[in-house]
Amino acid sequence: MIVAGVYSFNGGKEVVEQRYPIELAEILEVIAEVDSTRYKTKISNEKTTRGKMLYHPASLNAAYKKAFEARNWFAHRVHCDYPANYYTSGYQSSGKWTGAFREMDFVKNRLGIEVQFGKYAFMVYNVCAKMTIFRNLGVVDTGVEIVPVKDLADQMSSGVSYFEQFVWDLETRGVSDIDIPVLILGVSF
């Protein structure tokens, strides 16, 4: 795959280049190593693309996982202790929320990576919530979000978001004082 787009959210590009040059080189190696043609394996059942071969997001994610783990990048999971003291009086919780967790796809030297070939809401959540949470927990200082550009997203299932849309929303939203620096990389075939 190739890097087709680069966006610096809250100075993310500059911070990654300055503080994490070795890790950035590894990230770029991983992207170049993933051969997207091997993952155009999903036969669409969707109304507008029935029978068309599409890129398979889960297979792409697995390829990234294998390549990152080979370079000693690993997922970081934290257990969530959800408070029960905010329930209204009279409500009895089923307690089915036990065992809950949050996970960052890959972490190395306080740099966190999320690879997102899924729905749009997850891109926004990753950058505007999850990365801040993991910073607050002392796991990361800076993030990298790897997402498809529109040309690639158009050859995936419907509802997959893309770099151009994501950048527009982040630009329009602006930066909050709690946001961490994030380098957004748009990838393509």
C-alpha atoms as a PDB file:
ATOM      1  CA  MET A   1       0.000   0.000   0.000  1.00  0.00           C
ATOM      2  CA  ILE A   2       1.020   3.626  -0.276  1.00  0.00           C
ATOM      3  CA  VAL A   3       0.567   6.750   1.803  1.00  0.00           C
ATOM      4  CA  ALA A   4      -1.717   8.892  -0.351  1.00  0.00           C
ATOM      5  CA  GLY A   5      -2.579  11.591   2.195  1.00  0.00           C
ATOM      6  CA  VAL A   6      -1.002  13.180   5.268  1.00  0.00           C
ATOM      7  CA  TYR A   7      -2.806  15.405   7.779  1.00  0.00           C
ATOM      8  CA  SER A   8      -1.319  16.903  10.909  1.00  0.00           C
ATOM      9  CA  PHE A   9      -3.951  17.175  13.648  1.00  0.00           C
ATOM     10  CA  ASN A  10      -2.807  19.348  16.548  1.00  0.00           C
ATOM     11  CA  GLY A  11       0.767  19.282  15.263  1.00  0.00           C
ATOM     12  CA  GLY A  12       0.826  15.485  15.011  1.00  0.00           C
ATOM     13  CA  LYS A  13       3.018  15.270  11.903  1.00  0.00           C
ATOM     14  CA  GLU A  14       5.648  17.540  13.377  1.00  0.00           C
ATOM     15  CA  VAL A  15       5.663  15.781  16.757  1.00  0.00           C
ATOM     16  CA  VAL A  16       5.914  12.309  15.201  1.00  0.00           C
ATOM     17  CA  GLU A  17       8.720  13.386  12.847  1.00  0.00           C
ATOM     18  CA  GLN A  18      10.654  15.052  15.667  1.00  0.00           C
ATOM     19  CA  ARG A  19      10.134  12.646  18.593  1.00  0.00           C
ATOM     20  CA  TYR A  20       9.477   9.333  16.844  1.00  0.00           C
ATOM     21  CA  PRO A  21      11.562   9.135  13.632  1.00  0.00           C
ATOM     22  CA  ILE A  22      12.407   5.440  14.108  1.00  0.00           C
ATOM     23  CA  GLU A  23       8.791   4.531  14.810  1.00  0.00           C
ATOM     24  CA  LEU A  24       7.608   6.612  11.841  1.00  0.00           C
ATOM     25  CA  ALA A  25      10.021   4.734   9.584  1.00  0.00           C
ATOM     26  CA  GLU A  26       8.557   1.452  10.862  1.00  0.00           C
ATOM     27  CA  ILE A  27       5.000   2.689  10.250  1.00  0.00           C
ATOM     28  CA  LEU A  28       5.890   3.621   6.671  1.00  0.00           C
ATOM     29  CA  GLU A  29       7.575   0.213   6.200  1.00  0.00           C
ATOM     30  CA  VAL A  30       4.426  -1.557   7.406  1.00  0.00           C
ATOM     31  CA  ILE A  31       2.201   0.413   5.048  1.00  0.00           C
ATOM     32  CA  ALA A  32       4.508  -0.372   2.104  1.00  0.00           C
ATOM     33  CA  GLU A  33       4.657  -4.051   3.118  1.00  0.00           C
ATOM     34  CA  VAL A  34       0.894  -4.628   3.088  1.00  0.00           C
ATOM     35  CA  ASP A  35      -0.017  -5.818  -0.403  1.00  0.00           C
ATOM     36  CA  SER A  36      -3.621  -4.681  -0.776  1.00  0.00           C
ATOM     37  CA  THR A  37      -4.183  -6.827  -3.878  1.00  0.00           C
ATOM     38  CA  ARG A  38      -4.094  -9.904  -1.646  1.00  0.00           C
ATOM     39  CA  TYR A  39      -7.120  -8.621   0.290  1.00  0.00           C
ATOM     40  CA  LYS A  40      -9.576  -7.855  -2.493  1.00  0.00           C
ATOM     41  CA  THR A  41     -11.424 -11.024  -1.561  1.00  0.00           C
ATOM     42  CA  LYS A  42     -14.866  -9.994  -0.381  1.00  0.00           C
ATOM     43  CA  ILE A  43     -17.764 -10.659  -2.750  1.00  0.00           C
ATOM     44  CA  SER A  44     -20.339  -7.978  -2.104  1.00  0.00           C
ATOM     45  CA  ASN A  45     -23.918  -8.851  -1.209  1.00  0.00           C
ATOM     46  CA  GLU A  46     -24.910  -5.192  -1.023  1.00  0.00           C
ATOM     47  CA  LYS A  47     -27.682  -3.980  -3.270  1.00  0.00           C
ATOM     48  CA  THR A  48     -25.613  -1.438  -5.216  1.00  0.00           C
ATOM     49  CA  THR A  49     -22.466  -3.576  -5.603  1.00  0.00           C
ATOM     50  CA  ARG A  50     -23.805  -7.146  -5.608  1.00  0.00           C
ATOM     51  CA  GLY A  51     -21.219  -9.619  -6.919  1.00  0.00           C
ATOM     52  CA  LYS A  52     -18.392  -7.060  -7.061  1.00  0.00           C
ATOM     53  CA  MET A  53     -15.025  -7.949  -5.510  1.00  0.00           C
ATOM     54  CA  LEU A  54     -14.192  -5.598  -2.653  1.00  0.00           C
ATOM     55  CA  TYR A  55     -11.307  -5.113  -0.272  1.00  0.00           C
ATOM     56  CA  HIS A  56     -11.885  -7.071   2.937  1.00  0.00           C
ATOM     57  CA  PRO A  57     -11.354  -4.763   5.948  1.00  0.00           C
ATOM     58  CA  ALA A  58     -10.790  -7.556   8.490  1.00  0.00           C
ATOM     59  CA  SER A  59      -8.120  -9.115   6.284  1.00  0.00           C
ATOM     60  CA  LEU A  60      -6.405  -5.748   5.807  1.00  0.00           C
ATOM     61  CA  ASN A  61      -6.448  -5.221   9.579  1.00  0.00           C
ATOM     62  CA  ALA A  62      -4.946  -8.686  10.110  1.00  0.00           C
ATOM     63  CA  ALA A  63      -2.141  -7.910   7.643  1.00  0.00           C
ATOM     64  CA  TYR A  64      -1.349  -4.681   9.488  1.00  0.00           C
ATOM     65  CA  LYS A  65      -1.438  -6.497  12.819  1.00  0.00           C
ATOM     66  CA  LYS A  66       1.025  -9.139  11.629  1.00  0.00           C
ATOM     67  CA  ALA A  67       3.414  -6.522  10.202  1.00  0.00           C
ATOM     68  CA  PHE A  68       3.284  -4.263  13.271  1.00  0.00           C
ATOM     69  CA  GLU A  69       3.710  -7.136  15.723  1.00  0.00           C
ATOM     70  CA  ALA A  70       6.768  -8.303  13.760  1.00  0.00           C
ATOM     71  CA  ARG A  71       8.264  -4.905  14.665  1.00  0.00           C
ATOM     72  CA  ASN A  72       7.301  -5.191  18.352  1.00  0.00           C
ATOM     73  CA  TRP A  73       4.221  -2.976  18.237  1.00  0.00           C
ATOM     74  CA  PHE A  74       1.471  -4.498  20.362  1.00  0.00           C
ATOM     75  CA  ALA A  75      -2.090  -3.776  21.413  1.00  0.00           C
ATOM     76  CA  HIS A  76      -2.553  -2.137  24.784  1.00  0.00           C
ATOM     77  CA  ARG A  77      -5.699  -3.026  26.691  1.00  0.00           C
ATOM     78  CA  VAL A  78      -7.007  -1.380  29.845  1.00  0.00           C
ATOM     79  CA  HIS A  79      -9.752  -2.754  32.053  1.00  0.00           C
ATOM     80  CA  CYS A  80     -12.735  -0.470  32.594  1.00  0.00           C
ATOM     81  CA  ASP A  81     -14.277  -0.264  36.036  1.00  0.00           C
ATOM     82  CA  TYR A  82     -17.603   1.316  35.241  1.00  0.00           C
ATOM     83  CA  PRO A  83     -19.079   3.246  38.155  1.00  0.00           C
ATOM     84  CA  ALA A  84     -22.496   2.201  39.405  1.00  0.00           C
ATOM     85  CA  ASN A  85     -23.089   5.280  41.549  1.00  0.00           C
ATOM     86  CA  TYR A  86     -24.697   7.210  38.670  1.00  0.00           C
ATOM     87  CA  TYR A  87     -27.719   4.951  38.322  1.00  0.00           C
ATOM     88  CA  THR A  88     -31.029   6.402  39.390  1.00  0.00           C
ATOM     89  CA  SER A  89     -32.584   5.140  42.594  1.00  0.00           C
ATOM     90  CA  GLY A  90     -34.621   2.010  42.093  1.00  0.00           C
ATOM     91  CA  TYR A  91     -32.619   0.805  39.082  1.00  0.00           C
ATOM     92  CA  GLN A  92     -31.000  -2.586  39.534  1.00  0.00           C
ATOM     93  CA  SER A  93     -28.054  -3.201  37.219  1.00  0.00           C
ATOM     94  CA  SER A  94     -27.675  -6.627  35.639  1.00  0.00           C
ATOM     95  CA  GLY A  95     -23.912  -6.267  36.090  1.00  0.00           C
ATOM     96  CA  LYS A  96     -23.303  -7.504  32.538  1.00  0.00           C
ATOM     97  CA  TRP A  97     -20.743  -4.769  31.959  1.00  0.00           C
ATOM     98  CA  THR A  98     -18.063  -6.616  33.923  1.00  0.00           C
ATOM     99  CA  GLY A  99     -14.937  -7.457  31.986  1.00  0.00           C
ATOM    100  CA  ALA A 100     -15.188  -4.352  29.827  1.00  0.00           C
ATOM    101  CA  PHE A 101     -12.030  -2.877  28.345  1.00  0.00           C
ATOM    102  CA  ARG A 102     -10.631  -0.303  25.940  1.00  0.00           C
ATOM    103  CA  GLU A 103      -7.834  -1.181  23.572  1.00  0.00           C
ATOM    104  CA  MET A 104      -5.419   0.721  21.374  1.00  0.00           C
ATOM    105  CA  ASP A 105      -4.386  -1.238  18.274  1.00  0.00           C
ATOM    106  CA  PHE A 106      -0.626  -0.725  18.653  1.00  0.00           C
ATOM    107  CA  VAL A 107       1.651   1.055  21.101  1.00  0.00           C
ATOM    108  CA  LYS A 108       5.414   1.469  21.165  1.00  0.00           C
ATOM    109  CA  ASN A 109       7.466   4.031  23.109  1.00  0.00           C
ATOM    110  CA  ARG A 110       4.320   6.015  24.030  1.00  0.00           C
ATOM    111  CA  LEU A 111       3.231   6.358  20.380  1.00  0.00           C
ATOM    112  CA  GLY A 112      -0.204   4.879  19.747  1.00  0.00           C
ATOM    113  CA  ILE A 113      -1.543   3.661  16.412  1.00  0.00           C
ATOM    114  CA  GLU A 114      -5.099   2.980  15.312  1.00  0.00           C
ATOM    115  CA  VAL A 115      -5.757   1.301  11.958  1.00  0.00           C
ATOM    116  CA  GLN A 116      -9.331   2.046  10.892  1.00  0.00           C
ATOM    117  CA  PHE A 117     -10.984   0.494   7.853  1.00  0.00           C
ATOM    118  CA  GLY A 118     -14.404   0.593   9.457  1.00  0.00           C
ATOM    119  CA  LYS A 119     -17.269   2.930  10.073  1.00  0.00           C
ATOM    120  CA  TYR A 120     -16.828   6.673  10.312  1.00  0.00           C
ATOM    121  CA  ALA A 121     -17.739   7.001  13.975  1.00  0.00           C
ATOM    122  CA  PHE A 122     -14.715   4.918  14.950  1.00  0.00           C
ATOM    123  CA  MET A 123     -12.279   7.328  13.260  1.00  0.00           C
ATOM    124  CA  VAL A 124     -13.676  10.258  15.202  1.00  0.00           C
ATOM    125  CA  TYR A 125     -13.785   8.248  18.430  1.00  0.00           C
ATOM    126  CA  ASN A 126     -10.162   7.127  18.011  1.00  0.00           C
ATOM    127  CA  VAL A 127      -8.740  10.629  17.581  1.00  0.00           C
ATOM    128  CA  CYS A 128     -11.136  12.717  19.662  1.00  0.00           C
ATOM    129  CA  ALA A 129     -11.702  10.348  22.596  1.00  0.00           C
ATOM    130  CA  LYS A 130      -9.673   7.132  22.737  1.00  0.00           C
ATOM    131  CA  MET A 131      -6.264   8.725  22.189  1.00  0.00           C
ATOM    132  CA  THR A 132      -6.969  11.334  24.856  1.00  0.00           C
ATOM    133  CA  ILE A 133      -8.120   8.605  27.268  1.00  0.00           C
ATOM    134  CA  PHE A 134      -4.935   6.613  26.691  1.00  0.00           C
ATOM    135  CA  ARG A 135      -2.855   9.754  27.189  1.00  0.00           C
ATOM    136  CA  ASN A 136      -4.687  10.422  30.458  1.00  0.00           C
ATOM    137  CA  LEU A 137      -3.898   6.834  31.507  1.00  0.00           C
ATOM    138  CA  GLY A 138      -0.187   7.420  30.824  1.00  0.00           C
ATOM    139  CA  VAL A 139       0.027   5.016  27.857  1.00  0.00           C
ATOM    140  CA  VAL A 140       0.622   7.376  24.903  1.00  0.00           C
ATOM    141  CA  ASP A 141       1.689  10.952  24.245  1.00  0.00           C
ATOM    142  CA  THR A 142       1.029  11.085  20.510  1.00  0.00           C
ATOM    143  CA  GLY A 143      -1.043   9.135  17.995  1.00  0.00           C
ATOM    144  CA  VAL A 144      -1.154   7.941  14.413  1.00  0.00           C
ATOM    145  CA  GLU A 145      -4.422   7.081  12.665  1.00  0.00           C
ATOM    146  CA  ILE A 146      -4.215   5.009   9.458  1.00  0.00           C
ATOM    147  CA  VAL A 147      -7.348   5.270   7.292  1.00  0.00           C
ATOM    148  CA  PRO A 148      -8.281   4.649   3.639  1.00  0.00           C
ATOM    149  CA  VAL A 149      -8.491   7.483   1.122  1.00  0.00           C
ATOM    150  CA  LYS A 150     -11.730   7.759  -0.853  1.00  0.00           C
ATOM    151  CA  ASP A 151     -10.482   5.732  -3.842  1.00  0.00           C
ATOM    152  CA  LEU A 152      -9.833   2.760  -1.544  1.00  0.00           C
ATOM    153  CA  ALA A 153     -12.987   3.249   0.543  1.00  0.00           C
ATOM    154  CA  ASP A 154     -15.045   3.204  -2.679  1.00  0.00           C
ATOM    155  CA  GLN A 155     -13.839  -0.360  -3.196  1.00  0.00           C
ATOM    156  CA  MET A 156     -14.885  -1.506   0.270  1.00  0.00           C
ATOM    157  CA  SER A 157     -18.284  -2.132   1.868  1.00  0.00           C
ATOM    158  CA  SER A 158     -20.637   0.825   2.119  1.00  0.00           C
ATOM    159  CA  GLY A 159     -20.278   2.982   5.188  1.00  0.00           C
ATOM    160  CA  VAL A 160     -16.490   2.863   5.349  1.00  0.00           C
ATOM    161  CA  SER A 161     -15.234   6.347   5.939  1.00  0.00           C
ATOM    162  CA  TYR A 162     -12.233   7.915   4.334  1.00  0.00           C
ATOM    163  CA  PHE A 163      -9.354  10.310   4.839  1.00  0.00           C
ATOM    164  CA  GLU A 164     -10.805  13.280   2.930  1.00  0.00           C
ATOM    165  CA  GLN A 165     -14.068  13.244   4.931  1.00  0.00           C
ATOM    166  CA  PHE A 166     -12.212  12.771   8.190  1.00  0.00           C
ATOM    167  CA  VAL A 167      -9.821  15.673   7.522  1.00  0.00           C
ATOM    168  CA  TRP A 168     -12.712  17.989   6.606  1.00  0.00           C
ATOM    169  CA  ASP A 169     -14.484  17.158   9.861  1.00  0.00           C
ATOM    170  CA  LEU A 170     -11.354  17.623  11.971  1.00  0.00           C
ATOM    171  CA  GLU A 171     -10.577  20.920  10.238  1.00  0.00           C
ATOM    172  CA  THR A 172     -14.140  22.123  10.774  1.00  0.00           C
ATOM    173  CA  ARG A 173     -14.253  20.886  14.390  1.00  0.00           C
ATOM    174  CA  GLY A 174     -10.942  22.465  15.309  1.00  0.00           C
ATOM    175  CA  VAL A 175      -8.560  21.460  18.061  1.00  0.00           C
ATOM    176  CA  SER A 176      -9.604  21.261  21.707  1.00  0.00           C
ATOM    177  CA  ASP A 177      -7.259  21.785  24.632  1.00  0.00           C
ATOM    178  CA  ILE A 178      -7.573  18.073  25.517  1.00  0.00           C
ATOM    179  CA  ASP A 179      -6.642  16.750  22.053  1.00  0.00           C
ATOM    180  CA  ILE A 180      -3.267  15.057  21.617  1.00  0.00           C
ATOM    181  CA  PRO A 181      -1.092  15.433  18.515  1.00  0.00           C
ATOM    182  CA  VAL A 182      -2.170  12.891  15.869  1.00  0.00           C
ATOM    183  CA  LEU A 183      -0.692  12.159  12.472  1.00  0.00           C
ATOM    184  CA  ILE A 184      -3.447  11.011  10.103  1.00  0.00           C
ATOM    185  CA  LEU A 185      -2.217   8.843   7.214  1.00  0.00           C
ATOM    186  CA  GLY A 186      -4.527   8.161   4.285  1.00  0.00           C
ATOM    187  CA  VAL A 187      -3.571   4.922   2.546  1.00  0.00           C
ATOM    188  CA  SER A 188      -4.454   3.499  -0.838  1.00  0.00           C
ATOM    189  CA  PHE A 189      -3.704   0.551  -3.098  1.00  0.00           C
END
